[in-house]
């Protein structure tokens, strides 16, 4: 996982990269049939 505080122009946000989702082969394969963590959380 990677989580950081980022800045874009004058605003700050939190950025998350859920890399375990595509680092582990069996989990990566399942993303064929899923939106994935990022889109699922957003939605």
ModelCIF file with pLDDT and N, C-alpha, C, O atoms, coordinates in Angstrom:
data_MODEL
#
_entry.id   MODEL 
#
_entity.id                         1 
_entity.type                       polymer 
_entity.pdbx_number_of_molecules   1 
#
_entity_poly.entity_id                      1 
_entity_poly.type                           'polypeptide(L)' 
_entity_poly.nstd_linkage                   no 
_entity_poly.nstd_monomer                   no 
_entity_poly.pdbx_seq_one_letter_code       
;(UNK)(UNK)(UNK)(UNK)(UNK)(UNK)(UNK)(UNK)(UNK)(UNK)(UNK)(UNK)(UNK)(UNK)(UNK)(UNK)
(UNK)(UNK)(UNK)(UNK)(UNK)(UNK)(UNK)(UNK)(UNK)(UNK)(UNK)(UNK)(UNK)(UNK)(UNK)(UNK)
(UNK)(UNK)(UNK)(UNK)(UNK)(UNK)(UNK)(UNK)(UNK)(UNK)(UNK)
;
_entity_poly.pdbx_seq_one_letter_code_can   XXXXXXXXXXXXXXXXXXXXXXXXXXXXXXXXXXXXXXXXXXX 
_entity_poly.pdbx_strand_id                 A 
#
loop_
_entity_poly_seq.entity_id 
_entity_poly_seq.num 
_entity_poly_seq.mon_id 
_entity_poly_seq.hetero 
1 1  UNK n 
1 2  UNK n 
1 3  UNK n 
1 4  UNK n 
1 5  UNK n 
1 6  UNK n 
1 7  UNK n 
1 8  UNK n 
1 9  UNK n 
1 10 UNK n 
1 11 UNK n 
1 12 UNK n 
1 13 UNK n 
1 14 UNK n 
1 15 UNK n 
1 16 UNK n 
1 17 UNK n 
1 18 UNK n 
1 19 UNK n 
1 20 UNK n 
1 21 UNK n 
1 22 UNK n 
1 23 UNK n 
1 24 UNK n 
1 25 UNK n 
1 26 UNK n 
1 27 UNK n 
1 28 UNK n 
1 29 UNK n 
1 30 UNK n 
1 31 UNK n 
1 32 UNK n 
1 33 UNK n 
1 34 UNK n 
1 35 UNK n 
1 36 UNK n 
1 37 UNK n 
1 38 UNK n 
1 39 UNK n 
1 40 UNK n 
1 41 UNK n 
1 42 UNK n 
1 43 UNK n 
#
_struct_asym.id          A 
_struct_asym.entity_id   1 
#
loop_
_ma_qa_metric.id 
_ma_qa_metric.mode 
_ma_qa_metric.name 
_ma_qa_metric.software_group_id 
_ma_qa_metric.type 
1 global pLDDT . pLDDT 
2 local  pLDDT . pLDDT 
#
_ma_qa_metric_global.metric_id      1 
_ma_qa_metric_global.metric_value   94.09 
_ma_qa_metric_global.model_id       1 
_ma_qa_metric_global.ordinal_id     1 
#
loop_
_ma_qa_metric_local.label_asym_id 
_ma_qa_metric_local.label_comp_id 
_ma_qa_metric_local.label_seq_id 
_ma_qa_metric_local.metric_id 
_ma_qa_metric_local.metric_value 
_ma_qa_metric_local.model_id 
_ma_qa_metric_local.ordinal_id 
A UNK 1  2 88.00 1 1  
A UNK 2  2 94.00 1 2  
A UNK 3  2 96.00 1 3  
A UNK 4  2 97.00 1 4  
A UNK 5  2 97.00 1 5  
A UNK 6  2 98.00 1 6  
A UNK 7  2 97.00 1 7  
A UNK 8  2 96.00 1 8  
A UNK 9  2 93.00 1 9  
A UNK 10 2 92.00 1 10 
A UNK 11 2 95.00 1 11 
A UNK 12 2 97.00 1 12 
A UNK 13 2 98.00 1 13 
A UNK 14 2 98.00 1 14 
A UNK 15 2 98.00 1 15 
A UNK 16 2 97.00 1 16 
A UNK 17 2 96.00 1 17 
A UNK 18 2 93.00 1 18 
A UNK 19 2 91.00 1 19 
A UNK 20 2 87.00 1 20 
A UNK 21 2 91.00 1 21 
A UNK 22 2 90.00 1 22 
A UNK 23 2 86.00 1 23 
A UNK 24 2 87.00 1 24 
A UNK 25 2 89.00 1 25 
A UNK 26 2 89.00 1 26 
A UNK 27 2 91.00 1 27 
A UNK 28 2 93.00 1 28 
A UNK 29 2 94.00 1 29 
A UNK 30 2 94.00 1 30 
A UNK 31 2 95.00 1 31 
A UNK 32 2 95.00 1 32 
A UNK 33 2 94.00 1 33 
A UNK 34 2 93.00 1 34 
A UNK 35 2 94.00 1 35 
A UNK 36 2 94.00 1 36 
A UNK 37 2 95.00 1 37 
A UNK 38 2 97.00 1 38 
A UNK 39 2 97.00 1 39 
A UNK 40 2 97.00 1 40 
A UNK 41 2 97.00 1 41 
A UNK 42 2 98.00 1 42 
A UNK 43 2 98.00 1 43 
#
loop_
_atom_site.group_PDB 
_atom_site.id 
_atom_site.type_symbol 
_atom_site.label_atom_id 
_atom_site.label_alt_id 
_atom_site.label_comp_id 
_atom_site.label_asym_id 
_atom_site.label_entity_id 
_atom_site.label_seq_id 
_atom_site.pdbx_PDB_ins_code 
_atom_site.Cartn_x 
_atom_site.Cartn_y 
_atom_site.Cartn_z 
_atom_site.occupancy 
_atom_site.B_iso_or_equiv 
_atom_site.pdbx_formal_charge 
_atom_site.auth_seq_id 
_atom_site.auth_comp_id 
_atom_site.auth_asym_id 
_atom_site.auth_atom_id 
_atom_site.pdbx_PDB_model_num 
ATOM 1   N N  . UNK A 1 1  ? 0.832   -1.207  0.000   1.00 88.00 ? 1  UNK A N  1 
ATOM 2   C CA . UNK A 1 1  ? 0.000   0.000   0.000   1.00 88.00 ? 1  UNK A CA 1 
ATOM 3   C C  . UNK A 1 1  ? 0.863   1.252   0.000   1.00 88.00 ? 1  UNK A C  1 
ATOM 4   O O  . UNK A 1 1  ? 1.978   1.270   0.522   1.00 88.00 ? 1  UNK A O  1 
ATOM 5   N N  . UNK A 1 2  ? 0.311   2.289   -0.600  1.00 94.00 ? 2  UNK A N  1 
ATOM 6   C CA . UNK A 1 2  ? 0.971   3.594   -0.557  1.00 94.00 ? 2  UNK A CA 1 
ATOM 7   C C  . UNK A 1 2  ? -0.093  4.632   -0.235  1.00 94.00 ? 2  UNK A C  1 
ATOM 8   O O  . UNK A 1 2  ? -1.121  4.711   -0.907  1.00 94.00 ? 2  UNK A O  1 
ATOM 9   N N  . UNK A 1 3  ? 0.167   5.440   0.812   1.00 96.00 ? 3  UNK A N  1 
ATOM 10  C CA . UNK A 1 3  ? -0.763  6.496   1.188   1.00 96.00 ? 3  UNK A CA 1 
ATOM 11  C C  . UNK A 1 3  ? 0.052   7.752   1.461   1.00 96.00 ? 3  UNK A C  1 
ATOM 12  O O  . UNK A 1 3  ? 1.038   7.712   2.197   1.00 96.00 ? 3  UNK A O  1 
ATOM 13  N N  . UNK A 1 4  ? -0.366  8.876   0.861   1.00 97.00 ? 4  UNK A N  1 
ATOM 14  C CA . UNK A 1 4  ? 0.398   10.111  1.018   1.00 97.00 ? 4  UNK A CA 1 
ATOM 15  C C  . UNK A 1 4  ? -0.511  11.333  1.000   1.00 97.00 ? 4  UNK A C  1 
ATOM 16  O O  . UNK A 1 4  ? -1.601  11.314  0.427   1.00 97.00 ? 4  UNK A O  1 
ATOM 17  N N  . UNK A 1 5  ? -0.039  12.386  1.636   1.00 97.00 ? 5  UNK A N  1 
ATOM 18  C CA . UNK A 1 5  ? -0.679  13.697  1.548   1.00 97.00 ? 5  UNK A CA 1 
ATOM 19  C C  . UNK A 1 5  ? -0.085  14.409  0.335   1.00 97.00 ? 5  UNK A C  1 
ATOM 20  O O  . UNK A 1 5  ? 1.134   14.555  0.234   1.00 97.00 ? 5  UNK A O  1 
ATOM 21  N N  . UNK A 1 6  ? -0.938  14.849  -0.581  1.00 98.00 ? 6  UNK A N  1 
ATOM 22  C CA . UNK A 1 6  ? -0.459  15.479  -1.807  1.00 98.00 ? 6  UNK A CA 1 
ATOM 23  C C  . UNK A 1 6  ? -1.022  16.889  -1.936  1.00 98.00 ? 6  UNK A C  1 
ATOM 24  O O  . UNK A 1 6  ? -1.990  17.260  -1.273  1.00 98.00 ? 6  UNK A O  1 
ATOM 25  N N  . UNK A 1 7  ? -0.379  17.668  -2.817  1.00 97.00 ? 7  UNK A N  1 
ATOM 26  C CA . UNK A 1 7  ? -0.825  19.033  -3.071  1.00 97.00 ? 7  UNK A CA 1 
ATOM 27  C C  . UNK A 1 7  ? -1.034  19.221  -4.567  1.00 97.00 ? 7  UNK A C  1 
ATOM 28  O O  . UNK A 1 7  ? -0.201  18.831  -5.385  1.00 97.00 ? 7  UNK A O  1 
ATOM 29  N N  . UNK A 1 8  ? -2.154  19.819  -4.899  1.00 96.00 ? 8  UNK A N  1 
ATOM 30  C CA . UNK A 1 8  ? -2.449  20.166  -6.294  1.00 96.00 ? 8  UNK A CA 1 
ATOM 31  C C  . UNK A 1 8  ? -2.891  21.622  -6.309  1.00 96.00 ? 8  UNK A C  1 
ATOM 32  O O  . UNK A 1 8  ? -3.947  21.964  -5.778  1.00 96.00 ? 8  UNK A O  1 
ATOM 33  N N  . UNK A 1 9  ? -2.079  22.475  -6.920  1.00 93.00 ? 9  UNK A N  1 
ATOM 34  C CA . UNK A 1 9  ? -2.237  23.916  -6.775  1.00 93.00 ? 9  UNK A CA 1 
ATOM 35  C C  . UNK A 1 9  ? -2.216  24.257  -5.284  1.00 93.00 ? 9  UNK A C  1 
ATOM 36  O O  . UNK A 1 9  ? -1.219  23.969  -4.622  1.00 93.00 ? 9  UNK A O  1 
ATOM 37  N N  . UNK A 1 10 ? -3.246  24.842  -4.740  1.00 92.00 ? 10 UNK A N  1 
ATOM 38  C CA . UNK A 1 10 ? -3.206  25.239  -3.330  1.00 92.00 ? 10 UNK A CA 1 
ATOM 39  C C  . UNK A 1 10 ? -3.999  24.298  -2.426  1.00 92.00 ? 10 UNK A C  1 
ATOM 40  O O  . UNK A 1 10 ? -4.125  24.551  -1.228  1.00 92.00 ? 10 UNK A O  1 
ATOM 41  N N  . UNK A 1 11 ? -4.528  23.225  -2.987  1.00 95.00 ? 11 UNK A N  1 
ATOM 42  C CA . UNK A 1 11 ? -5.359  22.307  -2.213  1.00 95.00 ? 11 UNK A CA 1 
ATOM 43  C C  . UNK A 1 11 ? -4.595  21.025  -1.872  1.00 95.00 ? 11 UNK A C  1 
ATOM 44  O O  . UNK A 1 11 ? -3.737  20.580  -2.633  1.00 95.00 ? 11 UNK A O  1 
ATOM 45  N N  . UNK A 1 12 ? -4.920  20.441  -0.717  1.00 97.00 ? 12 UNK A N  1 
ATOM 46  C CA . UNK A 1 12 ? -4.300  19.176  -0.315  1.00 97.00 ? 12 UNK A CA 1 
ATOM 47  C C  . UNK A 1 12 ? -5.327  18.049  -0.345  1.00 97.00 ? 12 UNK A C  1 
ATOM 48  O O  . UNK A 1 12 ? -6.517  18.259  -0.110  1.00 97.00 ? 12 UNK A O  1 
ATOM 49  N N  . UNK A 1 13 ? -4.837  16.858  -0.638  1.00 98.00 ? 13 UNK A N  1 
ATOM 50  C CA . UNK A 1 13 ? -5.666  15.662  -0.714  1.00 98.00 ? 13 UNK A CA 1 
ATOM 51  C C  . UNK A 1 13 ? -4.865  14.474  -0.195  1.00 98.00 ? 13 UNK A C  1 
ATOM 52  O O  . UNK A 1 13 ? -3.658  14.570  0.026   1.00 98.00 ? 13 UNK A O  1 
ATOM 53  N N  . UNK A 1 14 ? -5.545  13.369  -0.007  1.00 98.00 ? 14 UNK A N  1 
ATOM 54  C CA . UNK A 1 14 ? -4.870  12.118  0.342   1.00 98.00 ? 14 UNK A CA 1 
ATOM 55  C C  . UNK A 1 14 ? -4.929  11.200  -0.865  1.00 98.00 ? 14 UNK A C  1 
ATOM 56  O O  . UNK A 1 14 ? -5.987  11.003  -1.464  1.00 98.00 ? 14 UNK A O  1 
ATOM 57  N N  . UNK A 1 15 ? -3.781  10.642  -1.213  1.00 98.00 ? 15 UNK A N  1 
ATOM 58  C CA . UNK A 1 15 ? -3.663  9.723   -2.346  1.00 98.00 ? 15 UNK A CA 1 
ATOM 59  C C  . UNK A 1 15 ? -3.399  8.318   -1.820  1.00 98.00 ? 15 UNK A C  1 
ATOM 60  O O  . UNK A 1 15 ? -2.524  8.123   -0.977  1.00 98.00 ? 15 UNK A O  1 
ATOM 61  N N  . UNK A 1 16 ? -4.151  7.341   -2.316  1.00 97.00 ? 16 UNK A N  1 
ATOM 62  C CA . UNK A 1 16 ? -3.953  5.945   -1.932  1.00 97.00 ? 16 UNK A CA 1 
ATOM 63  C C  . UNK A 1 16 ? -3.768  5.083   -3.172  1.00 97.00 ? 16 UNK A C  1 
ATOM 64  O O  . UNK A 1 16 ? -4.535  5.185   -4.129  1.00 97.00 ? 16 UNK A O  1 
ATOM 65  N N  . UNK A 1 17 ? -2.740  4.228   -3.148  1.00 96.00 ? 17 UNK A N  1 
ATOM 66  C CA . UNK A 1 17 ? -2.501  3.263   -4.208  1.00 96.00 ? 17 UNK A CA 1 
ATOM 67  C C  . UNK A 1 17 ? -2.644  1.865   -3.593  1.00 96.00 ? 17 UNK A C  1 
ATOM 68  O O  . UNK A 1 17 ? -1.738  1.409   -2.896  1.00 96.00 ? 17 UNK A O  1 
ATOM 69  N N  . UNK A 1 18 ? -3.766  1.180   -3.840  1.00 93.00 ? 18 UNK A N  1 
ATOM 70  C CA . UNK A 1 18 ? -3.983  -0.149  -3.245  1.00 93.00 ? 18 UNK A CA 1 
ATOM 71  C C  . UNK A 1 18 ? -3.290  -1.246  -4.054  1.00 93.00 ? 18 UNK A C  1 
ATOM 72  O O  . UNK A 1 18 ? -3.952  -2.054  -4.706  1.00 93.00 ? 18 UNK A O  1 
ATOM 73  N N  . UNK A 1 19 ? -1.954  -1.273  -4.011  1.00 91.00 ? 19 UNK A N  1 
ATOM 74  C CA . UNK A 1 19 ? -1.182  -2.123  -4.918  1.00 91.00 ? 19 UNK A CA 1 
ATOM 75  C C  . UNK A 1 19 ? -1.337  -3.613  -4.664  1.00 91.00 ? 19 UNK A C  1 
ATOM 76  O O  . UNK A 1 19 ? -1.073  -4.415  -5.560  1.00 91.00 ? 19 UNK A O  1 
ATOM 77  N N  . UNK A 1 20 ? -1.758  -4.009  -3.461  1.00 87.00 ? 20 UNK A N  1 
ATOM 78  C CA . UNK A 1 20 ? -1.960  -5.434  -3.202  1.00 87.00 ? 20 UNK A CA 1 
ATOM 79  C C  . UNK A 1 20 ? -2.996  -6.031  -4.142  1.00 87.00 ? 20 UNK A C  1 
ATOM 80  O O  . UNK A 1 20 ? -2.976  -7.226  -4.436  1.00 87.00 ? 20 UNK A O  1 
ATOM 81  N N  . UNK A 1 21 ? -3.897  -5.181  -4.607  1.00 91.00 ? 21 UNK A N  1 
ATOM 82  C CA . UNK A 1 21 ? -4.974  -5.633  -5.485  1.00 91.00 ? 21 UNK A CA 1 
ATOM 83  C C  . UNK A 1 21 ? -4.442  -6.171  -6.811  1.00 91.00 ? 21 UNK A C  1 
ATOM 84  O O  . UNK A 1 21 ? -5.016  -7.093  -7.391  1.00 91.00 ? 21 UNK A O  1 
ATOM 85  N N  . UNK A 1 22 ? -3.356  -5.596  -7.278  1.00 90.00 ? 22 UNK A N  1 
ATOM 86  C CA . UNK A 1 22 ? -2.806  -6.064  -8.559  1.00 90.00 ? 22 UNK A CA 1 
ATOM 87  C C  . UNK A 1 22 ? -1.407  -6.659  -8.412  1.00 90.00 ? 22 UNK A C  1 
ATOM 88  O O  . UNK A 1 22 ? -0.779  -7.027  -9.404  1.00 90.00 ? 22 UNK A O  1 
ATOM 89  N N  . UNK A 1 23 ? -0.925  -6.753  -7.183  1.00 86.00 ? 23 UNK A N  1 
ATOM 90  C CA . UNK A 1 23 ? 0.365   -7.390  -6.925  1.00 86.00 ? 23 UNK A CA 1 
ATOM 91  C C  . UNK A 1 23 ? 0.208   -8.890  -6.679  1.00 86.00 ? 23 UNK A C  1 
ATOM 92  O O  . UNK A 1 23 ? 1.097   -9.677  -7.005  1.00 86.00 ? 23 UNK A O  1 
ATOM 93  N N  . UNK A 1 24 ? -0.923  -9.274  -6.104  1.00 87.00 ? 24 UNK A N  1 
ATOM 94  C CA . UNK A 1 24 ? -1.201  -10.684 -5.806  1.00 87.00 ? 24 UNK A CA 1 
ATOM 95  C C  . UNK A 1 24 ? -1.962  -11.296 -6.981  1.00 87.00 ? 24 UNK A C  1 
ATOM 96  O O  . UNK A 1 24 ? -3.055  -10.830 -7.302  1.00 87.00 ? 24 UNK A O  1 
ATOM 97  N N  . UNK A 1 25 ? -1.420  -12.320 -7.628  1.00 89.00 ? 25 UNK A N  1 
ATOM 98  C CA . UNK A 1 25 ? -2.012  -12.867 -8.858  1.00 89.00 ? 25 UNK A CA 1 
ATOM 99  C C  . UNK A 1 25 ? -3.485  -13.227 -8.764  1.00 89.00 ? 25 UNK A C  1 
ATOM 100 O O  . UNK A 1 25 ? -4.257  -12.886 -9.660  1.00 89.00 ? 25 UNK A O  1 
ATOM 101 N N  . UNK A 1 26 ? -3.898  -13.920 -7.680  1.00 89.00 ? 26 UNK A N  1 
ATOM 102 C CA . UNK A 1 26 ? -5.296  -14.338 -7.592  1.00 89.00 ? 26 UNK A CA 1 
ATOM 103 C C  . UNK A 1 26 ? -6.235  -13.151 -7.437  1.00 89.00 ? 26 UNK A C  1 
ATOM 104 O O  . UNK A 1 26 ? -7.354  -13.167 -7.950  1.00 89.00 ? 26 UNK A O  1 
ATOM 105 N N  . UNK A 1 27 ? -5.775  -12.109 -6.721  1.00 91.00 ? 27 UNK A N  1 
ATOM 106 C CA . UNK A 1 27 ? -6.597  -10.910 -6.582  1.00 91.00 ? 27 UNK A CA 1 
ATOM 107 C C  . UNK A 1 27 ? -6.629  -10.131 -7.892  1.00 91.00 ? 27 UNK A C  1 
ATOM 108 O O  . UNK A 1 27 ? -7.666  -9.585  -8.270  1.00 91.00 ? 27 UNK A O  1 
ATOM 109 N N  . UNK A 1 28 ? -5.505  -10.082 -8.575  1.00 93.00 ? 28 UNK A N  1 
ATOM 110 C CA . UNK A 1 28 ? -5.454  -9.395  -9.864  1.00 93.00 ? 28 UNK A CA 1 
ATOM 111 C C  . UNK A 1 28 ? -6.388  -10.057 -10.865 1.00 93.00 ? 28 UNK A C  1 
ATOM 112 O O  . UNK A 1 28 ? -7.087  -9.369  -11.609 1.00 93.00 ? 28 UNK A O  1 
ATOM 113 N N  . UNK A 1 29 ? -6.409  -11.379 -10.890 1.00 94.00 ? 29 UNK A N  1 
ATOM 114 C CA . UNK A 1 29 ? -7.298  -12.104 -11.806 1.00 94.00 ? 29 UNK A CA 1 
ATOM 115 C C  . UNK A 1 29 ? -8.751  -11.752 -11.552 1.00 94.00 ? 29 UNK A C  1 
ATOM 116 O O  . UNK A 1 29 ? -9.531  -11.603 -12.493 1.00 94.00 ? 29 UNK A O  1 
ATOM 117 N N  . UNK A 1 30 ? -9.118  -11.619 -10.283 1.00 94.00 ? 30 UNK A N  1 
ATOM 118 C CA . UNK A 1 30 ? -10.508 -11.314 -9.945  1.00 94.00 ? 30 UNK A CA 1 
ATOM 119 C C  . UNK A 1 30 ? -10.939 -9.932  -10.423 1.00 94.00 ? 30 UNK A C  1 
ATOM 120 O O  . UNK A 1 30 ? -12.134 -9.670  -10.554 1.00 94.00 ? 30 UNK A O  1 
ATOM 121 N N  . UNK A 1 31 ? -9.970  -9.038  -10.687 1.00 95.00 ? 31 UNK A N  1 
ATOM 122 C CA . UNK A 1 31 ? -10.344 -7.708  -11.184 1.00 95.00 ? 31 UNK A CA 1 
ATOM 123 C C  . UNK A 1 31 ? -10.904 -7.763  -12.606 1.00 95.00 ? 31 UNK A C  1 
ATOM 124 O O  . UNK A 1 31 ? -11.441 -6.773  -13.104 1.00 95.00 ? 31 UNK A O  1 
ATOM 125 N N  . UNK A 1 32 ? -10.777 -8.922  -13.256 1.00 95.00 ? 32 UNK A N  1 
ATOM 126 C CA . UNK A 1 32 ? -11.450 -9.109  -14.543 1.00 95.00 ? 32 UNK A CA 1 
ATOM 127 C C  . UNK A 1 32 ? -12.954 -8.920  -14.392 1.00 95.00 ? 32 UNK A C  1 
ATOM 128 O O  . UNK A 1 32 ? -13.635 -8.481  -15.319 1.00 95.00 ? 32 UNK A O  1 
ATOM 129 N N  . UNK A 1 33 ? -13.457 -9.257  -13.219 1.00 94.00 ? 33 UNK A N  1 
ATOM 130 C CA . UNK A 1 33 ? -14.900 -9.281  -12.993 1.00 94.00 ? 33 UNK A CA 1 
ATOM 131 C C  . UNK A 1 33 ? -15.364 -8.205  -12.017 1.00 94.00 ? 33 UNK A C  1 
ATOM 132 O O  . UNK A 1 33 ? -16.547 -8.137  -11.685 1.00 94.00 ? 33 UNK A O  1 
ATOM 133 N N  . UNK A 1 34 ? -14.425 -7.352  -11.548 1.00 93.00 ? 34 UNK A N  1 
ATOM 134 C CA . UNK A 1 34 ? -14.762 -6.354  -10.545 1.00 93.00 ? 34 UNK A CA 1 
ATOM 135 C C  . UNK A 1 34 ? -14.321 -4.955  -10.970 1.00 93.00 ? 34 UNK A C  1 
ATOM 136 O O  . UNK A 1 34 ? -13.464 -4.794  -11.839 1.00 93.00 ? 34 UNK A O  1 
ATOM 137 N N  . UNK A 1 35 ? -14.924 -3.950  -10.338 1.00 94.00 ? 35 UNK A N  1 
ATOM 138 C CA . UNK A 1 35 ? -14.502 -2.569  -10.563 1.00 94.00 ? 35 UNK A CA 1 
ATOM 139 C C  . UNK A 1 35 ? -13.144 -2.279  -9.945  1.00 94.00 ? 35 UNK A C  1 
ATOM 140 O O  . UNK A 1 35 ? -12.423 -1.394  -10.406 1.00 94.00 ? 35 UNK A O  1 
ATOM 141 N N  . UNK A 1 36 ? -12.796 -3.021  -8.905  1.00 94.00 ? 36 UNK A N  1 
ATOM 142 C CA . UNK A 1 36 ? -11.564 -2.754  -8.181  1.00 94.00 ? 36 UNK A CA 1 
ATOM 143 C C  . UNK A 1 36 ? -11.816 -1.858  -6.979  1.00 94.00 ? 36 UNK A C  1 
ATOM 144 O O  . UNK A 1 36 ? -12.859 -1.213  -6.876  1.00 94.00 ? 36 UNK A O  1 
ATOM 145 N N  . UNK A 1 37 ? -10.835 -1.826  -6.061  1.00 95.00 ? 37 UNK A N  1 
ATOM 146 C CA . UNK A 1 37 ? -11.008 -1.111  -4.795  1.00 95.00 ? 37 UNK A CA 1 
ATOM 147 C C  . UNK A 1 37 ? -11.245 0.379   -4.985  1.00 95.00 ? 37 UNK A C  1 
ATOM 148 O O  . UNK A 1 37 ? -12.116 0.946   -4.326  1.00 95.00 ? 37 UNK A O  1 
ATOM 149 N N  . UNK A 1 38 ? -10.494 1.026   -5.867  1.00 97.00 ? 38 UNK A N  1 
ATOM 150 C CA . UNK A 1 38 ? -10.594 2.476   -6.023  1.00 97.00 ? 38 UNK A CA 1 
ATOM 151 C C  . UNK A 1 38 ? -11.986 2.893   -6.489  1.00 97.00 ? 38 UNK A C  1 
ATOM 152 O O  . UNK A 1 38 ? -12.613 3.763   -5.885  1.00 97.00 ? 38 UNK A O  1 
ATOM 153 N N  . UNK A 1 39 ? -12.462 2.273   -7.560  1.00 97.00 ? 39 UNK A N  1 
ATOM 154 C CA . UNK A 1 39 ? -13.774 2.646   -8.121  1.00 97.00 ? 39 UNK A CA 1 
ATOM 155 C C  . UNK A 1 39 ? -14.904 2.224   -7.181  1.00 97.00 ? 39 UNK A C  1 
ATOM 156 O O  . UNK A 1 39 ? -15.882 2.954   -7.015  1.00 97.00 ? 39 UNK A O  1 
ATOM 157 N N  . UNK A 1 40 ? -14.771 1.050   -6.568  1.00 97.00 ? 40 UNK A N  1 
ATOM 158 C CA . UNK A 1 40 ? -15.788 0.587   -5.622  1.00 97.00 ? 40 UNK A CA 1 
ATOM 159 C C  . UNK A 1 40 ? -15.939 1.553   -4.460  1.00 97.00 ? 40 UNK A C  1 
ATOM 160 O O  . UNK A 1 40 ? -17.057 1.901   -4.080  1.00 97.00 ? 40 UNK A O  1 
ATOM 161 N N  . UNK A 1 41 ? -14.813 1.991   -3.890  1.00 97.00 ? 41 UNK A N  1 
ATOM 162 C CA . UNK A 1 41 ? -14.853 2.944   -2.781  1.00 97.00 ? 41 UNK A CA 1 
ATOM 163 C C  . UNK A 1 41 ? -15.484 4.262   -3.213  1.00 97.00 ? 41 UNK A C  1 
ATOM 164 O O  . UNK A 1 41 ? -16.343 4.803   -2.517  1.00 97.00 ? 41 UNK A O  1 
ATOM 165 N N  . UNK A 1 42 ? -15.056 4.776   -4.361  1.00 98.00 ? 42 UNK A N  1 
ATOM 166 C CA . UNK A 1 42 ? -15.602 6.034   -4.886  1.00 98.00 ? 42 UNK A CA 1 
ATOM 167 C C  . UNK A 1 42 ? -17.118 5.934   -5.063  1.00 98.00 ? 42 UNK A C  1 
ATOM 168 O O  . UNK A 1 42 ? -17.860 6.824   -4.645  1.00 98.00 ? 42 UNK A O  1 
ATOM 169 N N  . UNK A 1 43 ? -17.560 4.864   -5.673  1.00 98.00 ? 43 UNK A N  1 
ATOM 170 C CA . UNK A 1 43 ? -18.982 4.692   -5.959  1.00 98.00 ? 43 UNK A CA 1 
ATOM 171 C C  . UNK A 1 43 ? -19.799 4.495   -4.683  1.00 98.00 ? 43 UNK A C  1 
ATOM 172 O O  . UNK A 1 43 ? -21.018 4.336   -4.748  1.00 98.00 ? 43 UNK A O  1 
#
